[in-house]
Protein backbone atom coordinates (compact mmCIF):
# COMPACT_ATOMS: atom_id res chain seq x y z
CA MET A 1 0.00 0.00 0.00
CA VAL A 2 1.30 3.42 -0.94
CA SER A 3 2.00 5.54 2.13
CA LYS A 4 0.39 8.94 2.58
CA LYS A 5 3.83 10.53 2.35
CA THR A 6 4.58 8.84 -0.99
CA ALA A 7 1.12 9.67 -2.33
CA ARG A 8 1.67 13.31 -1.42
CA LEU A 9 5.10 13.33 -3.14
CA VAL A 10 3.64 11.78 -6.30
CA TRP A 11 0.71 14.19 -6.24
CA GLU A 12 3.06 17.17 -6.02
CA ARG A 13 5.46 15.77 -8.63
CA ASP A 14 2.63 15.17 -11.12
CA ASN A 15 0.83 18.42 -10.25
CA GLY A 16 -2.30 16.48 -9.25
CA LEU A 17 -3.08 15.66 -12.88
CA CYS A 18 -3.46 12.45 -14.86
CA LEU A 19 -0.23 11.72 -16.71
CA GLY A 20 -2.21 10.15 -19.53
CA CYS A 21 -4.60 12.94 -20.44
CA GLY A 22 -4.04 15.84 -18.04
CA MET A 23 -7.43 15.58 -16.31
CA GLY A 24 -7.68 16.51 -12.65
CA ASP A 25 -10.73 14.42 -11.65
CA ASN A 26 -11.23 10.80 -10.55
CA LEU A 27 -7.52 10.14 -10.08
CA HIS A 28 -5.84 6.90 -9.01
CA LEU A 29 -2.33 5.94 -7.99
CA HIS A 30 -1.03 3.35 -10.44
CA HIS A 31 1.96 1.02 -9.99
CA VAL A 32 4.04 1.09 -13.21
CA VAL A 33 5.53 -2.29 -12.29
CA TYR A 34 2.41 -3.89 -10.90
CA HIS A 35 2.49 -4.54 -7.18
CA SER A 36 1.47 -8.14 -7.89
CA ARG A 37 4.63 -8.52 -10.00
CA GLY A 38 6.99 -7.21 -7.35
CA GLY A 39 6.64 -3.50 -8.02
CA SER A 40 7.49 -1.23 -5.12
CA ASP A 41 5.44 1.45 -3.44
CA ASN A 42 8.23 3.98 -4.06
CA ALA A 43 7.33 7.24 -5.82
CA ASP A 44 9.40 6.33 -8.88
CA ASN A 45 7.07 3.37 -9.50
CA ILE A 46 3.82 5.29 -9.03
CA ALA A 47 1.92 7.39 -11.59
CA ILE A 48 -1.31 9.35 -11.26
CA LEU A 49 -3.94 8.27 -13.78
CA CYS A 50 -7.63 9.13 -14.12
CA THR A 51 -10.17 6.32 -14.10
CA GLN A 52 -10.31 6.07 -17.91
CA CYS A 53 -6.53 6.10 -18.45
CA HIS A 54 -6.02 3.68 -15.55
CA ARG A 55 -8.54 1.26 -17.05
CA ALA A 56 -6.99 1.62 -20.52
CA THR A 57 -3.54 0.92 -19.08
CA HIS A 58 -4.69 -2.30 -17.43
CA ASN A 59 -6.57 -3.31 -20.58
CA GLY A 60 -3.37 -3.17 -22.64
CA ASP A 61 -4.08 0.00 -24.65
CA LYS A 62 -0.83 0.68 -26.57
CA ARG A 63 -1.09 4.43 -25.92
CA PHE A 64 -0.31 3.71 -22.27
CA GLU A 65 2.75 1.43 -22.66
CA ARG A 66 4.87 3.85 -20.63
CA PHE A 67 2.69 3.12 -17.60
CA ARG A 68 3.37 -0.61 -17.81
CA ALA A 69 6.66 -2.31 -17.18
CA LYS A 70 7.92 -5.74 -16.39
CA ALA A 71 9.51 -6.46 -13.04
CA GLY A 72 13.24 -5.90 -13.21
CA THR A 73 13.09 -3.20 -15.87
């Protein structure tokens, strides 16, 4: 689970906007290397995405490749 401190750092770093489309509503913290695949809760592995971009990322949409990575990369 992402700590409040890390969430705050990510929020400030990303200006509280979705990195996919720039929206500022319905935002989620997304693990670039999925937590289930060994991804950390560190800020460098977390991106802010809105609901639509987050869903598209998990559904394999090619436009969001940069928000997916394999463990160890």
